[in-house]
């Protein structure tokens, strides 16, 4: 497989930690923190649908943007790699294809690189047939030494770029056979800025097989170019980049091609059912977005893989490397206990609330070294003098006084005469739809849960 060299302007994070992450991720089948690499996924019992010999299902995921699982801070959240087998296994393996449309991670920081390798291993364990890589995906994969195909792995395609336009295979074919019938599904990747709809015939063509479906991944298209491609291509399906969490269908019922997105963050899996009513008849396409609900059973192999991710994050010391900016006016964080002398009632009341034990909830699930989680469970992690680790700054763990009231050094040293100042957090800094699905619309109820002040 030929791939382009990584761009010379890649960030320091990508180049500086390349070797360390590469050693960890080129092969995850080593002992990491006492966890052996998963063997093949152990499937949880699910109810399977009866397979129609004239129908196949194609499951699409994509735009994970590093979301390996929901944060878990509130109930009702969607997503998680460990839940996917329960959906895939609703269709027998011989009658399904599993495809990822790319955009694996959000950036190229060190934690993104760790996630990238974990996702590729997850796709292998989950039995993916095809992964469509974006340009950033390819640059990261090559920098980490992960472009070489591995035994038993999935196929990879990507829209070509660069002067030679032959960086990756641009198409892939999946054949389904059974009971004397063969269904052929061909996937191809095109770039709206560089390719022309009429040139797609060279990639796809209308296969000689009677039962054939052509699916295009369209990159870098604005609204006008998407409309042009939808009108001009002979494809049956056109898949657009996702800018919404949920899958969206843009074409009208029965219209060709079927135009859709697969959603973001792994919260939904898109299922495309392809059925051929009879010889010489165009395939009937049925699209649905399947929510990845928390009530679905977990796949043990994916659970073990996530623990390996947590161990890699811990060993990488990402908390200590987290970028921190100075506080204004030489302020410093002093910790909630420093407030107790003058605010004993408030401190005692706060100590009984969930915020006072916020860090312990991360310890319980092994996420106490993950900066994406820790930042909302401690004081001032993104500022100098703020939280670093539980060992170095134990007085700043948990959600305390200075989260909402601002750094307290000047206030404490002046015996309260100097008021606290910015930076102060608001509830919405952490209680986002992604992290706290039940917060919106119930703000007063949440506030009552943390009430630690006298009235009025």
Protein backbone atom coordinates (compact mmCIF):
# COMPACT_ATOMS: atom_id res chain seq x y z
CA UNK A 1 0.00 0.00 0.00
CA UNK A 2 1.44 3.37 -1.00
CA UNK A 3 0.71 6.36 1.20
CA UNK A 4 1.86 9.99 1.18
CA UNK A 5 4.59 11.20 3.47
CA UNK A 6 3.34 13.03 6.53
CA UNK A 7 3.11 16.76 5.97
CA UNK A 8 6.22 18.65 7.18
CA UNK A 9 4.08 21.04 9.17
CA UNK A 10 2.55 18.45 11.49
CA UNK A 11 2.36 19.53 15.11
CA UNK A 12 5.04 18.88 17.71
CA UNK A 13 2.68 16.48 19.45
CA UNK A 14 2.55 14.30 16.35
CA UNK A 15 6.30 14.21 15.79
CA UNK A 16 7.51 14.37 19.38
CA UNK A 17 5.60 11.35 20.66
CA UNK A 18 5.65 9.33 17.43
CA UNK A 19 8.16 6.78 18.63
CA UNK A 20 6.65 6.26 22.06
CA UNK A 21 3.12 5.85 20.78
CA UNK A 22 4.29 3.75 17.86
CA UNK A 23 5.94 1.27 20.22
CA UNK A 24 2.69 0.99 22.15
CA UNK A 25 0.31 0.77 19.23
CA UNK A 26 1.94 -0.99 16.28
CA UNK A 27 0.81 -4.16 17.99
CA UNK A 28 -1.59 -4.04 20.90
CA UNK A 29 -1.26 -7.79 21.35
CA UNK A 30 1.23 -7.45 24.20
CA UNK A 31 0.77 -7.39 27.93
CA UNK A 32 -0.17 -3.89 29.01
CA UNK A 33 -0.60 -3.30 32.69
CA UNK A 34 -1.60 -6.91 33.24
CA UNK A 35 -4.23 -7.02 30.48
CA UNK A 36 -3.67 -9.42 27.61
CA UNK A 37 -4.73 -8.28 24.18
CA UNK A 38 -8.24 -9.50 23.42
CA UNK A 39 -8.64 -12.52 21.22
CA UNK A 40 -11.65 -12.50 18.95
CA UNK A 41 -14.69 -10.72 20.33
CA UNK A 42 -16.95 -12.77 22.55
CA UNK A 43 -20.42 -11.97 21.31
CA UNK A 44 -23.25 -11.38 23.74
CA UNK A 45 -26.52 -13.17 22.99
CA UNK A 46 -28.71 -11.11 20.68
CA UNK A 47 -31.86 -11.77 18.73
CA UNK A 48 -31.07 -12.29 15.06
CA UNK A 49 -33.38 -11.49 12.24
CA UNK A 50 -34.12 -14.18 9.67
CA UNK A 51 -31.78 -13.65 6.73
CA UNK A 52 -33.47 -13.07 3.39
CA UNK A 53 -31.20 -14.59 0.71
CA UNK A 54 -32.00 -11.62 -1.51
CA UNK A 55 -31.13 -9.01 1.12
CA UNK A 56 -27.90 -7.83 2.75
CA UNK A 57 -27.23 -5.19 5.40
CA UNK A 58 -24.40 -2.68 5.44
CA UNK A 59 -23.62 -1.11 8.80
CA UNK A 60 -21.91 2.29 8.72
CA UNK A 61 -20.07 4.10 11.48
CA UNK A 62 -17.84 7.17 11.21
CA UNK A 63 -16.76 10.54 12.56
CA UNK A 64 -15.92 8.93 15.91
CA UNK A 65 -13.66 11.94 16.61
CA UNK A 66 -12.05 9.96 19.41
CA UNK A 67 -15.26 9.04 21.24
CA UNK A 68 -14.43 5.51 22.39
CA UNK A 69 -17.34 5.47 24.84
CA UNK A 70 -19.68 7.96 26.55
CA UNK A 71 -18.19 9.77 29.52
CA UNK A 72 -20.57 7.94 31.86
CA UNK A 73 -21.25 10.89 34.14
CA UNK A 74 -25.00 10.61 33.59
CA UNK A 75 -27.44 8.00 32.43
CA UNK A 76 -29.08 7.77 29.05
CA UNK A 77 -25.96 8.45 27.00
CA UNK A 78 -25.50 6.88 23.59
CA UNK A 79 -22.40 5.29 22.11
CA UNK A 80 -19.51 3.01 22.99
CA UNK A 81 -17.45 0.56 20.94
CA UNK A 82 -18.36 -2.23 23.33
CA UNK A 83 -22.06 -1.93 22.40
CA UNK A 84 -21.63 -2.29 18.65
CA UNK A 85 -21.54 -6.10 18.38
CA UNK A 86 -25.04 -6.29 19.85
CA UNK A 87 -26.24 -4.32 16.81
CA UNK A 88 -24.04 -5.92 14.16
CA UNK A 89 -24.99 -9.41 15.29
CA UNK A 90 -28.65 -8.80 14.52
CA UNK A 91 -27.64 -9.83 11.00
CA UNK A 92 -25.65 -13.02 10.30
CA UNK A 93 -22.05 -12.29 9.33
CA UNK A 94 -22.51 -13.82 5.88
CA UNK A 95 -25.22 -11.27 5.06
CA UNK A 96 -23.61 -8.08 6.36
CA UNK A 97 -20.75 -5.68 5.78
CA UNK A 98 -19.37 -3.29 8.39
CA UNK A 99 -17.83 -0.03 7.19
CA UNK A 100 -16.33 3.06 8.84
CA UNK A 101 -16.40 6.33 6.91
CA UNK A 102 -13.35 7.89 8.61
CA UNK A 103 -12.48 10.91 10.77
CA UNK A 104 -11.29 8.66 13.58
CA UNK A 105 -9.94 11.38 15.91
CA UNK A 106 -10.46 15.10 16.41
CA UNK A 107 -6.82 16.23 16.32
CA UNK A 108 -3.22 15.08 16.42
CA UNK A 109 -2.37 15.50 20.10
CA UNK A 110 -0.80 12.66 22.04
CA UNK A 111 -4.12 11.40 23.38
CA UNK A 112 -5.60 11.50 19.88
CA UNK A 113 -2.74 9.31 18.64
CA UNK A 114 -3.37 6.75 21.37
CA UNK A 115 -7.07 6.70 20.49
CA UNK A 116 -6.25 6.27 16.81
CA UNK A 117 -4.38 3.03 17.39
CA UNK A 118 -7.06 1.76 19.76
CA UNK A 119 -9.77 2.43 17.16
CA UNK A 120 -7.91 0.53 14.44
CA UNK A 121 -7.53 -2.43 16.78
CA UNK A 122 -11.22 -2.17 17.74
CA UNK A 123 -12.22 -2.27 14.06
CA UNK A 124 -10.16 -5.42 13.58
CA UNK A 125 -11.72 -7.13 16.57
CA UNK A 126 -15.20 -6.07 15.51
CA UNK A 127 -14.77 -7.62 12.08
CA UNK A 128 -14.94 -4.46 9.99
CA UNK A 129 -14.73 -5.06 6.26
CA UNK A 130 -13.66 -1.58 5.20
CA UNK A 131 -12.35 1.68 6.67
CA UNK A 132 -12.45 4.84 4.56
CA UNK A 133 -9.66 7.14 5.70
CA UNK A 134 -9.64 10.92 5.49
CA UNK A 135 -6.46 12.78 4.68
CA UNK A 136 -5.77 13.44 8.37
CA UNK A 137 -6.39 9.77 9.15
CA UNK A 138 -3.77 8.72 6.61
CA UNK A 139 -1.19 11.21 7.86
CA UNK A 140 -1.60 10.00 11.43
CA UNK A 141 -1.60 6.33 10.48
CA UNK A 142 1.58 6.70 8.48
CA UNK A 143 3.30 8.71 11.19
CA UNK A 144 2.51 5.94 13.69
CA UNK A 145 3.64 3.19 11.36
CA UNK A 146 0.14 1.72 11.15
CA UNK A 147 -0.38 1.76 7.39
CA UNK A 148 1.01 -1.70 6.71
CA UNK A 149 -1.89 -4.17 6.39
CA UNK A 150 -2.12 -6.72 9.19
CA UNK A 151 -3.29 -10.30 8.87
CA UNK A 152 -7.03 -10.64 9.32
CA UNK A 153 -7.50 -6.91 9.13
CA UNK A 154 -9.94 -4.76 7.19
CA UNK A 155 -9.48 -3.16 3.79
CA UNK A 156 -8.64 0.55 3.55
CA UNK A 157 -9.58 3.08 0.89
CA UNK A 158 -9.34 6.86 0.66
CA UNK A 159 -9.94 9.65 -1.82
CA UNK A 160 -6.61 10.17 -3.62
CA UNK A 161 -4.68 13.39 -3.20
CA UNK A 162 -1.19 14.61 -3.95
CA UNK A 163 0.54 14.97 -7.35
CA UNK A 164 0.40 11.27 -8.25
CA UNK A 165 -3.17 10.70 -7.06
CA UNK A 166 -2.41 7.09 -6.17
CA UNK A 167 -1.83 7.27 -2.44
CA UNK A 168 -4.51 4.74 -1.48
CA UNK A 169 -6.84 2.34 -3.25
CA UNK A 170 -9.96 4.29 -4.13
CA UNK A 171 -12.43 1.42 -4.29
CA UNK A 172 -13.36 -1.83 -2.62
CA UNK A 173 -15.74 -4.65 -3.55
CA UNK A 174 -17.69 -6.87 -1.17
CA UNK A 175 -19.41 -9.96 -2.60
CA UNK A 176 -22.22 -11.85 -0.94
CA UNK A 177 -23.06 -15.31 -2.22
CA UNK A 178 -25.63 -17.84 -1.16
CA UNK A 179 -28.39 -20.08 -2.49
CA UNK A 180 -27.36 -19.44 -6.07
CA UNK A 181 -27.53 -15.64 -5.66
CA UNK A 182 -24.67 -13.15 -5.65
CA UNK A 183 -24.93 -9.56 -4.49
CA UNK A 184 -22.01 -7.24 -5.20
CA UNK A 185 -21.47 -3.99 -3.29
CA UNK A 186 -18.75 -1.66 -4.54
CA UNK A 187 -17.49 1.26 -2.47
CA UNK A 188 -15.47 4.17 -3.87
CA UNK A 189 -13.98 7.36 -2.46
CA UNK A 190 -14.08 10.66 -4.34
CA UNK A 191 -13.03 14.22 -3.60
CA UNK A 192 -15.52 16.89 -4.65
CA UNK A 193 -12.70 19.41 -5.18
CA UNK A 194 -10.63 17.22 -7.50
CA UNK A 195 -12.88 14.59 -9.08
CA UNK A 196 -15.67 14.95 -11.62
CA UNK A 197 -18.95 13.01 -11.41
CA UNK A 198 -18.51 11.70 -14.95
CA UNK A 199 -15.16 10.17 -14.01
CA UNK A 200 -16.72 7.94 -11.37
CA UNK A 201 -17.61 5.39 -14.03
CA UNK A 202 -13.91 4.58 -14.17
CA UNK A 203 -14.02 3.69 -10.47
CA UNK A 204 -17.38 2.03 -10.31
CA UNK A 205 -19.07 1.54 -13.60
CA UNK A 206 -22.26 -0.44 -13.65
CA UNK A 207 -21.04 -3.91 -12.83
CA UNK A 208 -22.01 -6.72 -15.14
CA UNK A 209 -23.49 -8.53 -12.17
CA UNK A 210 -27.24 -8.12 -12.11
CA UNK A 211 -27.38 -7.63 -8.36
CA UNK A 212 -24.95 -4.76 -7.84
CA UNK A 213 -24.92 -1.68 -5.61
CA UNK A 214 -22.54 1.29 -5.93
CA UNK A 215 -21.77 3.43 -2.88
CA UNK A 216 -19.70 6.64 -2.95
CA UNK A 217 -17.95 8.42 -0.08
CA UNK A 218 -17.81 12.15 -0.95
CA UNK A 219 -15.13 14.29 0.67
CA UNK A 220 -14.65 18.06 0.76
CA UNK A 221 -18.00 18.98 -0.74
CA UNK A 222 -19.97 22.14 -0.07
CA UNK A 223 -23.75 22.28 -0.49
CA UNK A 224 -23.57 23.08 -4.19
CA UNK A 225 -21.05 20.37 -5.05
CA UNK A 226 -23.06 17.84 -3.06
CA UNK A 227 -26.15 18.74 -5.10
CA UNK A 228 -24.15 18.39 -8.32
CA UNK A 229 -22.83 14.98 -7.35
CA UNK A 230 -26.26 13.78 -6.27
CA UNK A 231 -27.69 14.77 -9.66
CA UNK A 232 -24.82 13.57 -11.84
CA UNK A 233 -23.53 10.32 -10.40
CA UNK A 234 -24.78 6.88 -11.28
CA UNK A 235 -24.19 5.68 -7.72
CA UNK A 236 -26.97 4.18 -5.64
CA UNK A 237 -25.79 5.84 -2.42
CA UNK A 238 -23.83 9.01 -1.68
CA UNK A 239 -22.38 9.34 1.83
CA UNK A 240 -21.51 12.86 2.99
CA UNK A 241 -19.27 13.99 5.86
CA UNK A 242 -21.21 14.27 9.12
CA UNK A 243 -21.83 17.57 10.89
CA UNK A 244 -24.65 16.29 13.10
CA UNK A 245 -24.59 13.77 15.93
CA UNK A 246 -27.49 11.84 14.40
CA UNK A 247 -27.61 10.23 10.94
CA UNK A 248 -29.39 12.38 8.38
CA UNK A 249 -31.00 11.55 5.03
CA UNK A 250 -30.97 14.37 2.45
CA UNK A 251 -32.64 12.66 -0.50
CA UNK A 252 -36.36 12.21 -0.98
CA UNK A 253 -38.01 8.79 -0.47
CA UNK A 254 -37.35 6.59 -3.50
CA UNK A 255 -34.91 9.10 -5.00
CA UNK A 256 -31.60 7.94 -6.48
CA UNK A 257 -28.99 8.22 -5.15
CA UNK A 258 -29.84 7.80 -1.48
CA UNK A 259 -27.87 10.64 0.18
CA UNK A 260 -27.09 10.41 3.88
CA UNK A 261 -24.62 10.98 6.71
CA UNK A 262 -23.81 8.52 9.49
CA UNK A 263 -23.65 10.89 12.48
CA UNK A 264 -20.83 11.60 14.90
CA UNK A 265 -19.23 10.26 18.09
CA UNK A 266 -20.50 6.72 17.56
CA UNK A 267 -23.88 7.47 19.08
CA UNK A 268 -25.75 5.86 16.22
CA UNK A 269 -25.00 3.12 13.72
CA UNK A 270 -26.44 3.56 10.26
CA UNK A 271 -27.91 0.44 8.70
CA UNK A 272 -28.54 0.19 4.98
CA UNK A 273 -30.65 -2.78 3.94
CA UNK A 274 -30.26 -3.74 0.28
CA UNK A 275 -32.89 -5.93 -1.29
CA UNK A 276 -33.29 -7.06 -4.91
CA UNK A 277 -36.95 -7.64 -5.76
CA UNK A 278 -36.12 -9.53 -8.94
CA UNK A 279 -33.84 -9.88 -11.98
CA UNK A 280 -33.10 -6.64 -13.80
CA UNK A 281 -34.75 -4.51 -11.12
CA UNK A 282 -32.88 -1.77 -9.25
CA UNK A 283 -32.14 -2.61 -5.62
CA UNK A 284 -34.56 -1.41 -2.97
CA UNK A 285 -32.72 0.54 -0.28
CA UNK A 286 -33.94 0.94 3.30
CA UNK A 287 -32.02 3.25 5.65
CA UNK A 288 -32.29 3.51 9.42
CA UNK A 289 -30.28 5.07 12.20
CA UNK A 290 -29.87 2.70 15.13
CA UNK A 291 -29.12 4.35 18.51
CA UNK A 292 -26.28 2.73 20.45
CA UNK A 293 -28.12 2.60 23.78
CA UNK A 294 -26.52 1.99 27.15
CA UNK A 295 -28.86 -0.93 27.80
CA UNK A 296 -27.17 -2.97 25.07
CA UNK A 297 -24.81 -5.71 26.36
CA UNK A 298 -21.08 -5.06 26.37
CA UNK A 299 -18.64 -7.04 24.27
CA UNK A 300 -15.94 -8.34 26.68
CA UNK A 301 -13.13 -7.94 24.15
CA UNK A 302 -13.96 -4.26 23.66
CA UNK A 303 -14.17 -3.74 27.41
CA UNK A 304 -10.66 -5.17 27.78
CA UNK A 305 -9.41 -3.02 24.94
CA UNK A 306 -10.74 0.11 26.66
CA UNK A 307 -8.85 -0.86 29.81
CA UNK A 308 -5.71 -1.06 27.72
CA UNK A 309 -6.46 2.44 26.47
CA UNK A 310 -6.74 3.66 30.06
CA UNK A 311 -3.42 2.05 30.89
CA UNK A 312 -1.72 3.68 27.89
CA UNK A 313 -3.12 7.07 28.94
CA UNK A 314 -1.81 6.54 32.47
CA UNK A 315 1.65 5.52 31.30
CA UNK A 316 1.82 8.53 29.01
CA UNK A 317 1.51 10.97 31.97
CA UNK A 318 -0.95 13.10 30.03
CA UNK A 319 -2.13 14.90 33.17
CA UNK A 320 1.33 16.30 33.85
CA UNK A 321 1.74 17.30 30.20
CA UNK A 322 -1.61 19.08 30.01
CA UNK A 323 -1.19 22.69 28.76
CA UNK A 324 -1.74 25.26 31.49
CA UNK A 325 -1.99 29.03 31.27
CA UNK A 326 -1.03 31.49 34.03
CA UNK A 327 -3.66 32.95 36.33
CA UNK A 328 -4.04 36.74 36.28
CA UNK A 329 -2.51 38.95 38.99
CA UNK A 330 -0.35 36.13 40.40
CA UNK A 331 -3.41 34.40 41.82
CA UNK A 332 -3.18 30.79 42.94
CA UNK A 333 -5.54 27.98 43.80
CA UNK A 334 -5.50 27.07 47.48
CA UNK A 335 -8.07 24.26 47.75
CA UNK A 336 -11.47 24.10 49.44
CA UNK A 337 -10.11 23.32 52.88
CA UNK A 338 -8.51 26.77 53.00
CA UNK A 339 -12.03 28.24 52.92
CA UNK A 340 -13.28 26.25 55.91
CA UNK A 341 -12.01 28.63 58.58
CA UNK A 342 -14.39 31.43 57.57
CA UNK A 343 -17.05 29.42 55.75
CA UNK A 344 -17.51 26.45 58.03
CA UNK A 345 -21.24 26.02 57.36
CA UNK A 346 -20.76 26.13 53.60
CA UNK A 347 -17.78 23.79 53.75
CA UNK A 348 -19.64 21.24 55.89
CA UNK A 349 -22.66 21.32 53.59
CA UNK A 350 -20.48 21.04 50.45
CA UNK A 351 -18.68 18.04 51.95
CA UNK A 352 -21.91 16.02 51.82
CA UNK A 353 -22.57 16.74 48.14
CA UNK A 354 -21.56 14.76 45.07
CA UNK A 355 -19.13 17.47 43.96
CA UNK A 356 -17.00 16.79 47.04
CA UNK A 357 -16.33 13.24 45.89
CA UNK A 358 -16.23 13.87 42.14
CA UNK A 359 -12.69 12.56 41.72
CA UNK A 360 -13.48 9.27 43.44
CA UNK A 361 -16.01 8.48 40.72
CA UNK A 362 -13.16 8.53 38.18
CA UNK A 363 -10.98 6.30 40.35
CA UNK A 364 -13.78 3.73 40.47
CA UNK A 365 -13.86 3.38 36.67
CA UNK A 366 -10.14 3.82 36.01
CA UNK A 367 -10.39 7.23 34.33
CA UNK A 368 -8.50 9.21 36.99
CA UNK A 369 -5.51 9.67 34.64
CA UNK A 370 -7.54 10.72 31.60
CA UNK A 371 -7.38 14.52 31.20
CA UNK A 372 -10.59 14.57 29.14
CA UNK A 373 -12.40 13.24 32.21
CA UNK A 374 -10.34 14.73 35.03
CA UNK A 375 -10.71 18.36 33.98
CA UNK A 376 -14.35 18.44 35.14
CA UNK A 377 -13.67 16.61 38.41
CA UNK A 378 -10.93 18.83 39.88
CA UNK A 379 -9.99 22.47 40.43
CA UNK A 380 -8.17 24.50 37.79
CA UNK A 381 -6.49 21.75 35.77
CA UNK A 382 -6.04 24.06 32.77
CA UNK A 383 -4.34 26.80 34.85
CA UNK A 384 -0.99 27.15 36.53
CA UNK A 385 -1.17 26.25 40.25
CA UNK A 386 -4.21 24.09 39.42
CA UNK A 387 -4.64 20.35 39.71
CA UNK A 388 -1.81 18.17 38.36
CA UNK A 389 -2.24 14.70 39.83
CA UNK A 390 -3.80 13.24 42.94
CA UNK A 391 -0.32 12.65 44.36
CA UNK A 392 1.05 16.16 43.66
CA UNK A 393 -2.06 18.26 44.31
CA UNK A 394 -4.44 16.26 46.51
CA UNK A 395 -5.99 19.45 47.91
CA UNK A 396 -7.30 20.36 44.45
CA UNK A 397 -9.13 17.16 43.56
CA UNK A 398 -12.94 17.18 43.45
CA UNK A 399 -15.21 20.02 42.35
CA UNK A 400 -14.62 22.62 45.05
CA UNK A 401 -15.11 26.24 46.03
CA UNK A 402 -12.69 27.69 43.48
CA UNK A 403 -14.37 26.07 40.50
CA UNK A 404 -17.31 28.43 40.83
CA UNK A 405 -15.83 31.30 42.89
CA UNK A 406 -12.40 31.60 41.28
CA UNK A 407 -8.85 31.18 42.65
CA UNK A 408 -8.79 32.02 46.36
CA UNK A 409 -5.24 33.00 47.28
CA UNK A 410 -5.85 36.76 47.49
CA UNK A 411 -9.19 36.29 49.24
CA UNK A 412 -7.71 33.95 51.87
CA UNK A 413 -4.55 35.99 52.48
CA UNK A 414 -6.59 39.18 52.97
CA UNK A 415 -8.95 37.46 55.42
CA UNK A 416 -11.80 37.93 52.97
CA UNK A 417 -11.32 41.61 52.19
CA UNK A 418 -10.24 40.93 48.62
CA UNK A 419 -13.07 39.35 46.65
CA UNK A 420 -12.47 36.29 44.51
CA UNK A 421 -12.07 36.97 40.80
CA UNK A 422 -11.99 35.27 37.43
CA UNK A 423 -11.51 32.70 36.06
CA UNK A 424 -14.73 31.16 37.31
CA UNK A 425 -16.48 28.15 35.85
CA UNK A 426 -20.17 27.98 35.09
CA UNK A 427 -22.29 24.84 35.32
CA UNK A 428 -22.42 24.66 31.53
CA UNK A 429 -18.64 24.29 31.27
CA UNK A 430 -19.04 20.67 32.33
CA UNK A 431 -22.75 19.92 32.22
CA UNK A 432 -22.83 19.77 28.43
CA UNK A 433 -25.17 17.54 26.42
CA UNK A 434 -22.23 15.19 25.82
CA UNK A 435 -21.35 14.83 29.52
CA UNK A 436 -24.63 15.47 31.29
CA UNK A 437 -27.54 14.54 29.10
CA UNK A 438 -30.18 15.30 31.73
CA UNK A 439 -29.01 18.80 32.69
CA UNK A 440 -30.71 20.91 30.02
CA UNK A 441 -34.20 21.82 31.17
CA UNK A 442 -33.54 20.67 34.75
CA UNK A 443 -31.11 23.34 35.89
CA UNK A 444 -33.03 24.18 39.07
CA UNK A 445 -33.12 20.52 40.12
CA UNK A 446 -29.38 20.17 39.62
CA UNK A 447 -28.72 23.37 41.56
CA UNK A 448 -30.74 22.03 44.46
CA UNK A 449 -28.46 18.97 44.57
CA UNK A 450 -25.37 21.10 45.26
CA UNK A 451 -26.99 23.69 47.57
CA UNK A 452 -24.53 24.44 50.37
CA UNK A 453 -25.41 28.03 51.29
CA UNK A 454 -27.82 29.65 53.72
CA UNK A 455 -30.96 31.37 52.48
CA UNK A 456 -31.31 33.99 51.28
